[in-house]
Amino acid sequence: MGLNLLYLAFIALVPFTSGVLGDYDNNTAAIVLYAINMILVSGSFSAQVVYSYRNGLVRPEARPYERRYAGPATVIVVVVFLVSIPVAFVSPFAATLMWLAIFFVGGRVSDRIAPTSS
């Protein structure tokens, strides 16, 4: 129950942090604030997935999908947003471009982290 509430609290902050980012798109502080919020959202979601696995709350037929996509995807998101924070101090534009990289290379990295089982 606690993880769910924590996750929802971070989700509730997304409109605020994206509004700040929209108003101050070239400001390092706005980029860092948004990145931290996305790290917390993805990290708390990942913690829920791990908790669900350990407590047998994931249906057996969903386990391969969750193991292949949900786990690696959240790790990729956390890592990219975490790395974008120091980059934002050098170039705010480069930091936001890093976020776009999640969509273009995330699937390929996810395949390397959790390859399909044959």
C-alpha atoms as a PDB file:
ATOM      1  CA  MET A   1       0.000   0.000   0.000  1.00  0.00           C
ATOM      2  CA  GLY A   2       2.825   2.405   0.842  1.00  0.00           C
ATOM      3  CA  LEU A   3       4.544   1.974  -2.526  1.00  0.00           C
ATOM      4  CA  ASN A   4       1.278   2.650  -4.338  1.00  0.00           C
ATOM      5  CA  LEU A   5       0.728   5.887  -2.465  1.00  0.00           C
ATOM      6  CA  LEU A   6       4.299   6.995  -3.021  1.00  0.00           C
ATOM      7  CA  TYR A   7       4.001   6.247  -6.749  1.00  0.00           C
ATOM      8  CA  LEU A   8       0.717   8.171  -6.979  1.00  0.00           C
ATOM      9  CA  ALA A   9       2.224  11.115  -5.099  1.00  0.00           C
ATOM     10  CA  PHE A  10       5.020  11.363  -7.656  1.00  0.00           C
ATOM     11  CA  ILE A  11       2.518  10.974 -10.510  1.00  0.00           C
ATOM     12  CA  ALA A  12       0.485  13.828  -9.007  1.00  0.00           C
ATOM     13  CA  LEU A  13       3.577  16.054  -9.255  1.00  0.00           C
ATOM     14  CA  VAL A  14       4.016  15.431 -13.008  1.00  0.00           C
ATOM     15  CA  PRO A  15       1.625  18.215 -14.136  1.00  0.00           C
ATOM     16  CA  PHE A  16       3.419  20.707 -11.885  1.00  0.00           C
ATOM     17  CA  THR A  17       6.938  19.718 -12.943  1.00  0.00           C
ATOM     18  CA  SER A  18       5.990  19.617 -16.629  1.00  0.00           C
ATOM     19  CA  GLY A  19       4.358  23.028 -16.261  1.00  0.00           C
ATOM     20  CA  VAL A  20       7.548  24.414 -14.761  1.00  0.00           C
ATOM     21  CA  LEU A  21       9.541  22.800 -17.567  1.00  0.00           C
ATOM     22  CA  GLY A  22       7.171  24.267 -20.151  1.00  0.00           C
ATOM     23  CA  ASP A  23       7.468  27.766 -18.709  1.00  0.00           C
ATOM     24  CA  TYR A  24      11.239  27.646 -18.171  1.00  0.00           C
ATOM     25  CA  ASP A  25      12.369  25.160 -20.818  1.00  0.00           C
ATOM     26  CA  ASN A  26      15.933  26.424 -21.061  1.00  0.00           C
ATOM     27  CA  ASN A  27      16.442  26.710 -17.299  1.00  0.00           C
ATOM     28  CA  THR A  28      18.680  24.135 -15.644  1.00  0.00           C
ATOM     29  CA  ALA A  29      16.645  24.110 -12.423  1.00  0.00           C
ATOM     30  CA  ALA A  30      13.429  23.297 -14.321  1.00  0.00           C
ATOM     31  CA  ILE A  31      15.136  20.465 -16.174  1.00  0.00           C
ATOM     32  CA  VAL A  32      16.610  19.042 -12.974  1.00  0.00           C
ATOM     33  CA  LEU A  33      13.239  19.271 -11.199  1.00  0.00           C
ATOM     34  CA  TYR A  34      11.483  17.405 -14.004  1.00  0.00           C
ATOM     35  CA  ALA A  35      14.250  14.791 -14.229  1.00  0.00           C
ATOM     36  CA  ILE A  36      14.104  14.134 -10.487  1.00  0.00           C
ATOM     37  CA  ASN A  37      10.340  13.712 -10.672  1.00  0.00           C
ATOM     38  CA  MET A  38      10.667  11.228 -13.546  1.00  0.00           C
ATOM     39  CA  ILE A  39      13.348   9.301 -11.637  1.00  0.00           C
ATOM     40  CA  LEU A  40      11.031   9.076  -8.633  1.00  0.00           C
ATOM     41  CA  VAL A  41       8.051   7.992 -10.768  1.00  0.00           C
ATOM     42  CA  SER A  42      10.029   5.314 -12.605  1.00  0.00           C
ATOM     43  CA  GLY A  43      11.908   4.208  -9.509  1.00  0.00           C
ATOM     44  CA  SER A  44       8.768   3.778  -7.427  1.00  0.00           C
ATOM     45  CA  PHE A  45       7.117   1.892 -10.298  1.00  0.00           C
ATOM     46  CA  SER A  46      10.137  -0.393 -10.505  1.00  0.00           C
ATOM     47  CA  ALA A  47       9.928  -0.987  -6.756  1.00  0.00           C
ATOM     48  CA  GLN A  48       6.282  -2.006  -7.198  1.00  0.00           C
ATOM     49  CA  VAL A  49       7.201  -4.482  -9.925  1.00  0.00           C
ATOM     50  CA  VAL A  50       9.900  -6.035  -7.735  1.00  0.00           C
ATOM     51  CA  TYR A  51       7.515  -6.199  -4.769  1.00  0.00           C
ATOM     52  CA  SER A  52       4.840  -7.819  -6.936  1.00  0.00           C
ATOM     53  CA  TYR A  53       7.260 -10.491  -8.146  1.00  0.00           C
ATOM     54  CA  ARG A  54       8.580 -11.292  -4.707  1.00  0.00           C
ATOM     55  CA  ASN A  55       5.102 -11.651  -3.261  1.00  0.00           C
ATOM     56  CA  GLY A  56       3.590 -13.709  -6.082  1.00  0.00           C
ATOM     57  CA  LEU A  57       1.244 -10.959  -7.262  1.00  0.00           C
ATOM     58  CA  VAL A  58       2.071 -11.247 -10.973  1.00  0.00           C
ATOM     59  CA  ARG A  59       0.087 -13.783 -12.969  1.00  0.00           C
ATOM     60  CA  PRO A  60       2.234 -16.582 -14.363  1.00  0.00           C
ATOM     61  CA  GLU A  61       1.248 -15.781 -17.969  1.00  0.00           C
ATOM     62  CA  ALA A  62       2.302 -12.130 -17.479  1.00  0.00           C
ATOM     63  CA  ARG A  63       5.703 -12.874 -15.939  1.00  0.00           C
ATOM     64  CA  PRO A  64       7.658 -13.207 -19.225  1.00  0.00           C
ATOM     65  CA  TYR A  65       6.272  -9.909 -20.524  1.00  0.00           C
ATOM     66  CA  GLU A  66       6.923  -8.064 -17.277  1.00  0.00           C
ATOM     67  CA  ARG A  67      10.428  -9.497 -16.993  1.00  0.00           C
ATOM     68  CA  ARG A  68      11.231  -8.560 -20.595  1.00  0.00           C
ATOM     69  CA  TYR A  69       9.695  -5.095 -20.833  1.00  0.00           C
ATOM     70  CA  ALA A  70       8.621  -3.490 -17.546  1.00  0.00           C
ATOM     71  CA  GLY A  71      11.796  -4.118 -15.581  1.00  0.00           C
ATOM     72  CA  PRO A  72      14.393  -3.066 -18.172  1.00  0.00           C
ATOM     73  CA  ALA A  73      12.294  -0.144 -19.395  1.00  0.00           C
ATOM     74  CA  THR A  74      12.074   1.455 -15.962  1.00  0.00           C
ATOM     75  CA  VAL A  75      15.798   0.964 -15.381  1.00  0.00           C
ATOM     76  CA  ILE A  76      16.572   2.639 -18.718  1.00  0.00           C
ATOM     77  CA  VAL A  77      14.321   5.593 -17.884  1.00  0.00           C
ATOM     78  CA  VAL A  78      15.889   6.050 -14.442  1.00  0.00           C
ATOM     79  CA  VAL A  79      19.438   5.874 -15.814  1.00  0.00           C
ATOM     80  CA  VAL A  80      18.802   8.312 -18.685  1.00  0.00           C
ATOM     81  CA  PHE A  81      17.108  10.885 -16.452  1.00  0.00           C
ATOM     82  CA  LEU A  82      19.816  10.467 -13.807  1.00  0.00           C
ATOM     83  CA  VAL A  83      22.597  11.028 -16.340  1.00  0.00           C
ATOM     84  CA  SER A  84      20.733  14.004 -17.817  1.00  0.00           C
ATOM     85  CA  ILE A  85      20.961  15.952 -14.537  1.00  0.00           C
ATOM     86  CA  PRO A  86      24.687  16.738 -14.678  1.00  0.00           C
ATOM     87  CA  VAL A  87      24.396  17.246 -18.446  1.00  0.00           C
ATOM     88  CA  ALA A  88      21.726  19.909 -17.802  1.00  0.00           C
ATOM     89  CA  PHE A  89      24.314  22.041 -16.009  1.00  0.00           C
ATOM     90  CA  VAL A  90      26.415  22.102 -19.157  1.00  0.00           C
ATOM     91  CA  SER A  91      23.662  22.178 -21.791  1.00  0.00           C
ATOM     92  CA  PRO A  92      19.947  22.175 -20.929  1.00  0.00           C
ATOM     93  CA  PHE A  93      19.114  21.405 -24.568  1.00  0.00           C
ATOM     94  CA  ALA A  94      21.381  18.347 -24.616  1.00  0.00           C
ATOM     95  CA  ALA A  95      19.746  17.049 -21.442  1.00  0.00           C
ATOM     96  CA  THR A  96      16.285  17.194 -22.995  1.00  0.00           C
ATOM     97  CA  LEU A  97      17.585  15.493 -26.138  1.00  0.00           C
ATOM     98  CA  MET A  98      18.788  12.663 -23.945  1.00  0.00           C
ATOM     99  CA  TRP A  99      15.216  12.099 -22.831  1.00  0.00           C
ATOM    100  CA  LEU A 100      14.177  11.623 -26.456  1.00  0.00           C
ATOM    101  CA  ALA A 101      16.851   8.972 -26.803  1.00  0.00           C
ATOM    102  CA  ILE A 102      14.737   6.740 -24.537  1.00  0.00           C
ATOM    103  CA  PHE A 103      12.213   6.336 -27.358  1.00  0.00           C
ATOM    104  CA  PHE A 104      14.778   5.632 -30.049  1.00  0.00           C
ATOM    105  CA  VAL A 105      17.264   3.366 -28.295  1.00  0.00           C
ATOM    106  CA  GLY A 106      15.268   2.134 -25.305  1.00  0.00           C
ATOM    107  CA  GLY A 107      13.942  -0.927 -27.111  1.00  0.00           C
ATOM    108  CA  ARG A 108      17.360  -1.963 -28.319  1.00  0.00           C
ATOM    109  CA  VAL A 109      18.915  -1.560 -24.885  1.00  0.00           C
ATOM    110  CA  SER A 110      15.978  -3.416 -23.341  1.00  0.00           C
ATOM    111  CA  ASP A 111      16.589  -6.309 -25.747  1.00  0.00           C
ATOM    112  CA  ARG A 112      20.220  -6.482 -24.622  1.00  0.00           C
ATOM    113  CA  ILE A 113      19.297  -6.362 -20.931  1.00  0.00           C
ATOM    114  CA  ALA A 114      16.574  -9.014 -21.176  1.00  0.00           C
ATOM    115  CA  PRO A 115      16.865 -10.952 -24.437  1.00  0.00           C
ATOM    116  CA  THR A 116      13.991 -13.084 -25.616  1.00  0.00           C
ATOM    117  CA  SER A 117      14.069 -16.578 -24.257  1.00  0.00           C
ATOM    118  CA  SER A 118      14.156 -19.274 -26.931  1.00  0.00           C
END
